[in-house]
Amino acid sequence: MLGSLTMYSTTWCGYCRRLKKQMEREGIPFTEVNIEHDPEAAALVEKANNGNRTVPTLVFADGTALTNPSLAQVKSAAGL
């Protein structure tokens, strides 16, 4: 599952910056998509969050999503 993790974020989101730094420090690879610049990504985040643009939203290879997860939750979902 590693390497196919996508983080949907915005530039102004402090929670996104914090989780991104934690994941980088732990060596967890991910792709970041800014929903402010990608309407399709914004729609995906809204669908995963009952119509809300809540970030960070992480989507894993199996299609499962976590919204504003802790690092421990990300590691568990990624099988680490």
PDB file of N, CA and C in Angstrom:
ATOM      1  N   MET A   1       0.818  -1.188   0.000  1.00  0.00           N
ATOM      2  CA  MET A   1       0.000   0.000   0.000  1.00  0.00           C
ATOM      3  C   MET A   1       0.864   1.256   0.000  1.00  0.00           C
ATOM      4  N   LEU A   2       2.074   1.149   0.486  1.00  0.00           N
ATOM      5  CA  LEU A   2       2.948   2.311   0.527  1.00  0.00           C
ATOM      6  C   LEU A   2       3.229   2.827  -0.869  1.00  0.00           C
ATOM      7  N   GLY A   3       3.372   4.139  -0.988  1.00  0.00           N
ATOM      8  CA  GLY A   3       3.661   4.745  -2.260  1.00  0.00           C
ATOM      9  C   GLY A   3       2.414   5.122  -3.026  1.00  0.00           C
ATOM     10  N   SER A   4       1.295   4.590  -2.620  1.00  0.00           N
ATOM     11  CA  SER A   4       0.052   4.924  -3.299  1.00  0.00           C
ATOM     12  C   SER A   4      -0.894   5.650  -2.344  1.00  0.00           C
ATOM     13  N   LEU A   5      -0.311   6.411  -1.474  1.00  0.00           N
ATOM     14  CA  LEU A   5      -1.049   7.209  -0.504  1.00  0.00           C
ATOM     15  C   LEU A   5      -1.119   8.637  -1.032  1.00  0.00           C
ATOM     16  N   THR A   6      -2.326   9.200  -1.061  1.00  0.00           N
ATOM     17  CA  THR A   6      -2.501  10.564  -1.532  1.00  0.00           C
ATOM     18  C   THR A   6      -3.046  11.421  -0.400  1.00  0.00           C
ATOM     19  N   MET A   7      -2.378  12.560  -0.176  1.00  0.00           N
ATOM     20  CA  MET A   7      -2.840  13.521   0.818  1.00  0.00           C
ATOM     21  C   MET A   7      -3.456  14.699   0.077  1.00  0.00           C
ATOM     22  N   TYR A   8      -4.718  14.950   0.355  1.00  0.00           N
ATOM     23  CA  TYR A   8      -5.405  16.114  -0.195  1.00  0.00           C
ATOM     24  C   TYR A   8      -5.310  17.215   0.846  1.00  0.00           C
ATOM     25  N   SER A   9      -4.833  18.386   0.415  1.00  0.00           N
ATOM     26  CA  SER A   9      -4.533  19.453   1.362  1.00  0.00           C
ATOM     27  C   SER A   9      -4.789  20.821   0.738  1.00  0.00           C
ATOM     28  N   THR A  10      -4.492  21.863   1.519  1.00  0.00           N
ATOM     29  CA  THR A  10      -4.481  23.242   1.042  1.00  0.00           C
ATOM     30  C   THR A  10      -3.196  23.885   1.556  1.00  0.00           C
ATOM     31  N   THR A  11      -2.840  25.023   0.990  1.00  0.00           N
ATOM     32  CA  THR A  11      -1.613  25.701   1.415  1.00  0.00           C
ATOM     33  C   THR A  11      -1.754  26.296   2.811  1.00  0.00           C
ATOM     34  N   TRP A  12      -2.962  26.669   3.208  1.00  0.00           N
ATOM     35  CA  TRP A  12      -3.171  27.361   4.477  1.00  0.00           C
ATOM     36  C   TRP A  12      -3.476  26.432   5.656  1.00  0.00           C
ATOM     37  N   CYS A  13      -3.545  25.131   5.420  1.00  0.00           N
ATOM     38  CA  CYS A  13      -3.952  24.180   6.455  1.00  0.00           C
ATOM     39  C   CYS A  13      -2.779  23.784   7.359  1.00  0.00           C
ATOM     40  N   GLY A  14      -2.835  24.220   8.608  1.00  0.00           N
ATOM     41  CA  GLY A  14      -1.789  23.877   9.571  1.00  0.00           C
ATOM     42  C   GLY A  14      -1.747  22.387   9.886  1.00  0.00           C
ATOM     43  N   TYR A  15      -2.905  21.741   9.957  1.00  0.00           N
ATOM     44  CA  TYR A  15      -2.950  20.300  10.215  1.00  0.00           C
ATOM     45  C   TYR A  15      -2.275  19.538   9.074  1.00  0.00           C
ATOM     46  N   CYS A  16      -2.470  20.032   7.846  1.00  0.00           N
ATOM     47  CA  CYS A  16      -1.843  19.395   6.679  1.00  0.00           C
ATOM     48  C   CYS A  16      -0.324  19.501   6.776  1.00  0.00           C
ATOM     49  N   ARG A  17       0.170  20.690   7.079  1.00  0.00           N
ATOM     50  CA  ARG A  17       1.626  20.898   7.190  1.00  0.00           C
ATOM     51  C   ARG A  17       2.223  20.013   8.271  1.00  0.00           C
ATOM     52  N   ARG A  18       1.549  19.929   9.410  1.00  0.00           N
ATOM     53  CA  ARG A  18       2.055  19.116  10.511  1.00  0.00           C
ATOM     54  C   ARG A  18       2.114  17.637  10.127  1.00  0.00           C
ATOM     55  N   LEU A  19       1.030  17.109   9.567  1.00  0.00           N
ATOM     56  CA  LEU A  19       1.004  15.695   9.199  1.00  0.00           C
ATOM     57  C   LEU A  19       2.011  15.406   8.091  1.00  0.00           C
ATOM     58  N   LYS A  20       2.128  16.311   7.137  1.00  0.00           N
ATOM     59  CA  LYS A  20       3.094  16.148   6.045  1.00  0.00           C
ATOM     60  C   LYS A  20       4.516  16.029   6.609  1.00  0.00           C
ATOM     61  N   LYS A  21       4.878  16.905   7.530  1.00  0.00           N
ATOM     62  CA  LYS A  21       6.217  16.857   8.146  1.00  0.00           C
ATOM     63  C   LYS A  21       6.419  15.554   8.910  1.00  0.00           C
ATOM     64  N   GLN A  22       5.398  15.108   9.642  1.00  0.00           N
ATOM     65  CA  GLN A  22       5.497  13.860  10.403  1.00  0.00           C
ATOM     66  C   GLN A  22       5.694  12.673   9.466  1.00  0.00           C
ATOM     67  N   MET A  23       4.940  12.637   8.384  1.00  0.00           N
ATOM     68  CA  MET A  23       5.048  11.529   7.440  1.00  0.00           C
ATOM     69  C   MET A  23       6.411  11.539   6.740  1.00  0.00           C
ATOM     70  N   GLU A  24       6.892  12.719   6.381  1.00  0.00           N
ATOM     71  CA  GLU A  24       8.213  12.817   5.763  1.00  0.00           C
ATOM     72  C   GLU A  24       9.290  12.334   6.731  1.00  0.00           C
ATOM     73  N   ARG A  25       9.177  12.736   7.994  1.00  0.00           N
ATOM     74  CA  ARG A  25      10.153  12.330   9.018  1.00  0.00           C
ATOM     75  C   ARG A  25      10.159  10.814   9.200  1.00  0.00           C
ATOM     76  N   GLU A  26       8.985  10.177   9.079  1.00  0.00           N
ATOM     77  CA  GLU A  26       8.860   8.725   9.240  1.00  0.00           C
ATOM     78  C   GLU A  26       9.182   7.965   7.954  1.00  0.00           C
ATOM     79  N   GLY A  27       9.422   8.700   6.852  1.00  0.00           N
ATOM     80  CA  GLY A  27       9.738   8.051   5.585  1.00  0.00           C
ATOM     81  C   GLY A  27       8.534   7.420   4.905  1.00  0.00           C
ATOM     82  N   ILE A  28       7.351   7.953   5.160  1.00  0.00           N
ATOM     83  CA  ILE A  28       6.131   7.436   4.547  1.00  0.00           C
ATOM     84  C   ILE A  28       5.914   8.201   3.235  1.00  0.00           C
ATOM     85  N   PRO A  29       6.029   7.516   2.093  1.00  0.00           N
ATOM     86  CA  PRO A  29       5.862   8.213   0.812  1.00  0.00           C
ATOM     87  C   PRO A  29       4.391   8.529   0.526  1.00  0.00           C
ATOM     88  N   PHE A  30       4.170   9.693  -0.064  1.00  0.00           N
ATOM     89  CA  PHE A  30       2.814  10.097  -0.404  1.00  0.00           C
ATOM     90  C   PHE A  30       2.863  11.122  -1.532  1.00  0.00           C
ATOM     91  N   THR A  31       1.737  11.271  -2.172  1.00  0.00           N
ATOM     92  CA  THR A  31       1.558  12.311  -3.177  1.00  0.00           C
ATOM     93  C   THR A  31       0.634  13.349  -2.577  1.00  0.00           C
ATOM     94  N   GLU A  32       0.994  14.614  -2.721  1.00  0.00           N
ATOM     95  CA  GLU A  32       0.156  15.684  -2.180  1.00  0.00           C
ATOM     96  C   GLU A  32      -0.596  16.364  -3.315  1.00  0.00           C
ATOM     97  N   VAL A  33      -1.893  16.585  -3.107  1.00  0.00           N
ATOM     98  CA  VAL A  33      -2.728  17.266  -4.086  1.00  0.00           C
ATOM     99  C   VAL A  33      -3.421  18.434  -3.386  1.00  0.00           C
ATOM    100  N   ASN A  34      -3.223  19.636  -3.919  1.00  0.00           N
ATOM    101  CA  ASN A  34      -3.824  20.838  -3.352  1.00  0.00           C
ATOM    102  C   ASN A  34      -5.227  20.997  -3.946  1.00  0.00           C
ATOM    103  N   ILE A  35      -6.239  20.895  -3.100  1.00  0.00           N
ATOM    104  CA  ILE A  35      -7.617  20.946  -3.599  1.00  0.00           C
ATOM    105  C   ILE A  35      -8.021  22.345  -4.060  1.00  0.00           C
ATOM    106  N   GLU A  36      -7.246  23.354  -3.693  1.00  0.00           N
ATOM    107  CA  GLU A  36      -7.547  24.707  -4.152  1.00  0.00           C
ATOM    108  C   GLU A  36      -7.256  24.865  -5.646  1.00  0.00           C
ATOM    109  N   HIS A  37      -6.394  24.005  -6.174  1.00  0.00           N
ATOM    110  CA  HIS A  37      -5.979  24.104  -7.569  1.00  0.00           C
ATOM    111  C   HIS A  37      -6.522  22.963  -8.422  1.00  0.00           C
ATOM    112  N   ASP A  38      -7.279  22.061  -7.828  1.00  0.00           N
ATOM    113  CA  ASP A  38      -7.756  20.881  -8.545  1.00  0.00           C
ATOM    114  C   ASP A  38      -9.220  20.624  -8.191  1.00  0.00           C
ATOM    115  N   PRO A  39     -10.153  21.098  -9.027  1.00  0.00           N
ATOM    116  CA  PRO A  39     -11.578  20.929  -8.721  1.00  0.00           C
ATOM    117  C   PRO A  39     -12.009  19.467  -8.569  1.00  0.00           C
ATOM    118  N   GLU A  40     -11.420  18.570  -9.327  1.00  0.00           N
ATOM    119  CA  GLU A  40     -11.768  17.151  -9.198  1.00  0.00           C
ATOM    120  C   GLU A  40     -11.331  16.609  -7.841  1.00  0.00           C
ATOM    121  N   ALA A  41     -10.169  17.043  -7.374  1.00  0.00           N
ATOM    122  CA  ALA A  41      -9.688  16.622  -6.059  1.00  0.00           C
ATOM    123  C   ALA A  41     -10.588  17.192  -4.963  1.00  0.00           C
ATOM    124  N   ALA A  42     -11.017  18.434  -5.130  1.00  0.00           N
ATOM    125  CA  ALA A  42     -11.922  19.045  -4.152  1.00  0.00           C
ATOM    126  C   ALA A  42     -13.225  18.257  -4.083  1.00  0.00           C
ATOM    127  N   ALA A  43     -13.729  17.826  -5.228  1.00  0.00           N
ATOM    128  CA  ALA A  43     -14.967  17.032  -5.258  1.00  0.00           C
ATOM    129  C   ALA A  43     -14.768  15.689  -4.575  1.00  0.00           C
ATOM    130  N   LEU A  44     -13.595  15.078  -4.754  1.00  0.00           N
ATOM    131  CA  LEU A  44     -13.296  13.800  -4.111  1.00  0.00           C
ATOM    132  C   LEU A  44     -13.291  13.970  -2.589  1.00  0.00           C
ATOM    133  N   VAL A  45     -12.667  15.053  -2.114  1.00  0.00           N
ATOM    134  CA  VAL A  45     -12.614  15.321  -0.674  1.00  0.00           C
ATOM    135  C   VAL A  45     -14.028  15.550  -0.133  1.00  0.00           C
ATOM    136  N   GLU A  46     -14.830  16.296  -0.860  1.00  0.00           N
ATOM    137  CA  GLU A  46     -16.210  16.528  -0.429  1.00  0.00           C
ATOM    138  C   GLU A  46     -16.986  15.211  -0.338  1.00  0.00           C
ATOM    139  N   LYS A  47     -16.786  14.343  -1.315  1.00  0.00           N
ATOM    140  CA  LYS A  47     -17.482  13.053  -1.314  1.00  0.00           C
ATOM    141  C   LYS A  47     -17.069  12.202  -0.106  1.00  0.00           C
ATOM    142  N   ALA A  48     -15.787  12.237   0.231  1.00  0.00           N
ATOM    143  CA  ALA A  48     -15.276  11.450   1.355  1.00  0.00           C
ATOM    144  C   ALA A  48     -15.695  12.021   2.708  1.00  0.00           C
ATOM    145  N   ASN A  49     -16.100  13.298   2.720  1.00  0.00           N
ATOM    146  CA  ASN A  49     -16.385  13.976   3.983  1.00  0.00           C
ATOM    147  C   ASN A  49     -17.792  14.580   4.043  1.00  0.00           C
ATOM    148  N   ASN A  50     -18.757  13.852   3.510  1.00  0.00           N
ATOM    149  CA  ASN A  50     -20.169  14.263   3.599  1.00  0.00           C
ATOM    150  C   ASN A  50     -20.409  15.694   3.129  1.00  0.00           C
ATOM    151  N   GLY A  51     -19.756  16.077   2.012  1.00  0.00           N
ATOM    152  CA  GLY A  51     -19.964  17.398   1.431  1.00  0.00           C
ATOM    153  C   GLY A  51     -19.039  18.476   1.943  1.00  0.00           C
ATOM    154  N   ASN A  52     -18.164  18.149   2.877  1.00  0.00           N
ATOM    155  CA  ASN A  52     -17.242  19.135   3.444  1.00  0.00           C
ATOM    156  C   ASN A  52     -15.861  19.022   2.812  1.00  0.00           C
ATOM    157  N   ARG A  53     -15.193  20.151   2.669  1.00  0.00           N
ATOM    158  CA  ARG A  53     -13.819  20.170   2.153  1.00  0.00           C
ATOM    159  C   ARG A  53     -12.847  20.125   3.326  1.00  0.00           C
ATOM    160  N   THR A  54     -12.878  19.039   4.053  1.00  0.00           N
ATOM    161  CA  THR A  54     -12.044  18.885   5.236  1.00  0.00           C
ATOM    162  C   THR A  54     -10.695  18.286   4.837  1.00  0.00           C
ATOM    163  N   VAL A  55      -9.634  18.992   5.224  1.00  0.00           N
ATOM    164  CA  VAL A  55      -8.276  18.513   4.944  1.00  0.00           C
ATOM    165  C   VAL A  55      -7.474  18.531   6.235  1.00  0.00           C
ATOM    166  N   PRO A  56      -6.471  17.685   6.345  1.00  0.00           N
ATOM    167  CA  PRO A  56      -6.035  16.745   5.329  1.00  0.00           C
ATOM    168  C   PRO A  56      -6.970  15.536   5.230  1.00  0.00           C
ATOM    169  N   THR A  57      -7.199  15.126   4.008  1.00  0.00           N
ATOM    170  CA  THR A  57      -7.891  13.869   3.730  1.00  0.00           C
ATOM    171  C   THR A  57      -6.884  12.979   3.030  1.00  0.00           C
ATOM    172  N   LEU A  58      -6.665  11.794   3.572  1.00  0.00           N
ATOM    173  CA  LEU A  58      -5.730  10.844   2.969  1.00  0.00           C
ATOM    174  C   LEU A  58      -6.511   9.704   2.351  1.00  0.00           C
ATOM    175  N   VAL A  59      -6.127   9.340   1.136  1.00  0.00           N
ATOM    176  CA  VAL A  59      -6.770   8.234   0.438  1.00  0.00           C
ATOM    177  C   VAL A  59      -5.703   7.191   0.136  1.00  0.00           C
ATOM    178  N   PHE A  60      -6.004   5.957   0.502  1.00  0.00           N
ATOM    179  CA  PHE A  60      -5.075   4.840   0.331  1.00  0.00           C
ATOM    180  C   PHE A  60      -5.390   4.083  -0.953  1.00  0.00           C
ATOM    181  N   ALA A  61      -4.482   3.210  -1.356  1.00  0.00           N
ATOM    182  CA  ALA A  61      -4.613   2.454  -2.614  1.00  0.00           C
ATOM    183  C   ALA A  61      -5.909   1.666  -2.680  1.00  0.00           C
ATOM    184  N   ASP A  62      -6.396   1.182  -1.538  1.00  0.00           N
ATOM    185  CA  ASP A  62      -7.624   0.379  -1.540  1.00  0.00           C
ATOM    186  C   ASP A  62      -8.892   1.239  -1.556  1.00  0.00           C
ATOM    187  N   GLY A  63      -8.708   2.567  -1.624  1.00  0.00           N
ATOM    188  CA  GLY A  63      -9.853   3.467  -1.693  1.00  0.00           C
ATOM    189  C   GLY A  63     -10.345   3.972  -0.356  1.00  0.00           C
ATOM    190  N   THR A  64      -9.806   3.438   0.735  1.00  0.00           N
ATOM    191  CA  THR A  64     -10.224   3.926   2.053  1.00  0.00           C
ATOM    192  C   THR A  64      -9.649   5.320   2.283  1.00  0.00           C
ATOM    193  N   ALA A  65     -10.337   6.086   3.103  1.00  0.00           N
ATOM    194  CA  ALA A  65      -9.927   7.460   3.365  1.00  0.00           C
ATOM    195  C   ALA A  65      -9.926   7.729   4.865  1.00  0.00           C
ATOM    196  N   LEU A  66      -9.001   8.582   5.274  1.00  0.00           N
ATOM    197  CA  LEU A  66      -8.947   9.070   6.649  1.00  0.00           C
ATOM    198  C   LEU A  66      -8.947  10.593   6.596  1.00  0.00           C
ATOM    199  N   THR A  67      -9.709  11.216   7.473  1.00  0.00           N
ATOM    200  CA  THR A  67      -9.769  12.669   7.527  1.00  0.00           C
ATOM    201  C   THR A  67      -9.095  13.161   8.788  1.00  0.00           C
ATOM    202  N   ASN A  68      -8.132  14.057   8.609  1.00  0.00           N
ATOM    203  CA  ASN A  68      -7.359  14.637   9.711  1.00  0.00           C
ATOM    204  C   ASN A  68      -6.866  13.560  10.679  1.00  0.00           C
ATOM    205  N   PRO A  69      -6.194  12.537  10.142  1.00  0.00           N
ATOM    206  CA  PRO A  69      -5.739  11.443  11.007  1.00  0.00           C
ATOM    207  C   PRO A  69      -4.477  11.800  11.771  1.00  0.00           C
ATOM    208  N   SER A  70      -4.234  11.050  12.822  1.00  0.00           N
ATOM    209  CA  SER A  70      -2.966  11.154  13.536  1.00  0.00           C
ATOM    210  C   SER A  70      -1.933  10.349  12.752  1.00  0.00           C
ATOM    211  N   LEU A  71      -0.673  10.556  13.052  1.00  0.00           N
ATOM    212  CA  LEU A  71       0.387   9.778  12.412  1.00  0.00           C
ATOM    213  C   LEU A  71       0.196   8.290  12.707  1.00  0.00           C
ATOM    214  N   ALA A  72      -0.201   7.962  13.930  1.00  0.00           N
ATOM    215  CA  ALA A  72      -0.432   6.565  14.306  1.00  0.00           C
ATOM    216  C   ALA A  72      -1.538   5.944  13.448  1.00  0.00           C
ATOM    217  N   GLN A  73      -2.583   6.691  13.174  1.00  0.00           N
ATOM    218  CA  GLN A  73      -3.666   6.186  12.332  1.00  0.00           C
ATOM    219  C   GLN A  73      -3.193   5.956  10.900  1.00  0.00           C
ATOM    220  N   VAL A  74      -2.359   6.851  10.398  1.00  0.00           N
ATOM    221  CA  VAL A  74      -1.818   6.698   9.036  1.00  0.00           C
ATOM    222  C   VAL A  74      -0.946   5.444   8.972  1.00  0.00           C
ATOM    223  N   LYS A  75      -0.075   5.276   9.964  1.00  0.00           N
ATOM    224  CA  LYS A  75       0.805   4.113   9.979  1.00  0.00           C
ATOM    225  C   LYS A  75       0.013   2.821  10.066  1.00  0.00           C
ATOM    226  N   SER A  76      -1.022   2.796  10.883  1.00  0.00           N
ATOM    227  CA  SER A  76      -1.842   1.609  11.019  1.00  0.00           C
ATOM    228  C   SER A  76      -2.549   1.290   9.702  1.00  0.00           C
ATOM    229  N   ALA A  77      -3.135   2.292   9.073  1.00  0.00           N
ATOM    230  CA  ALA A  77      -3.853   2.083   7.813  1.00  0.00           C
ATOM    231  C   ALA A  77      -2.914   1.670   6.696  1.00  0.00           C
ATOM    232  N   ALA A  78      -1.650   2.115   6.775  1.00  0.00           N
ATOM    233  CA  ALA A  78      -0.665   1.777   5.746  1.00  0.00           C
ATOM    234  C   ALA A  78       0.038   0.450   6.045  1.00  0.00           C
ATOM    235  N   GLY A  79      -0.299  -0.147   7.176  1.00  0.00           N
ATOM    236  CA  GLY A  79       0.310  -1.431   7.542  1.00  0.00           C
ATOM    237  C   GLY A  79       1.739  -1.302   8.042  1.00  0.00           C
ATOM    238  N   LEU A  80       2.036  -0.184   8.679  1.00  0.00           N
ATOM    239  CA  LEU A  80       3.401   0.034   9.214  1.00  0.00           C
ATOM    240  C   LEU A  80       3.455  -0.203  10.713  1.00  0.00           C
TER     241      LEU A  80
END
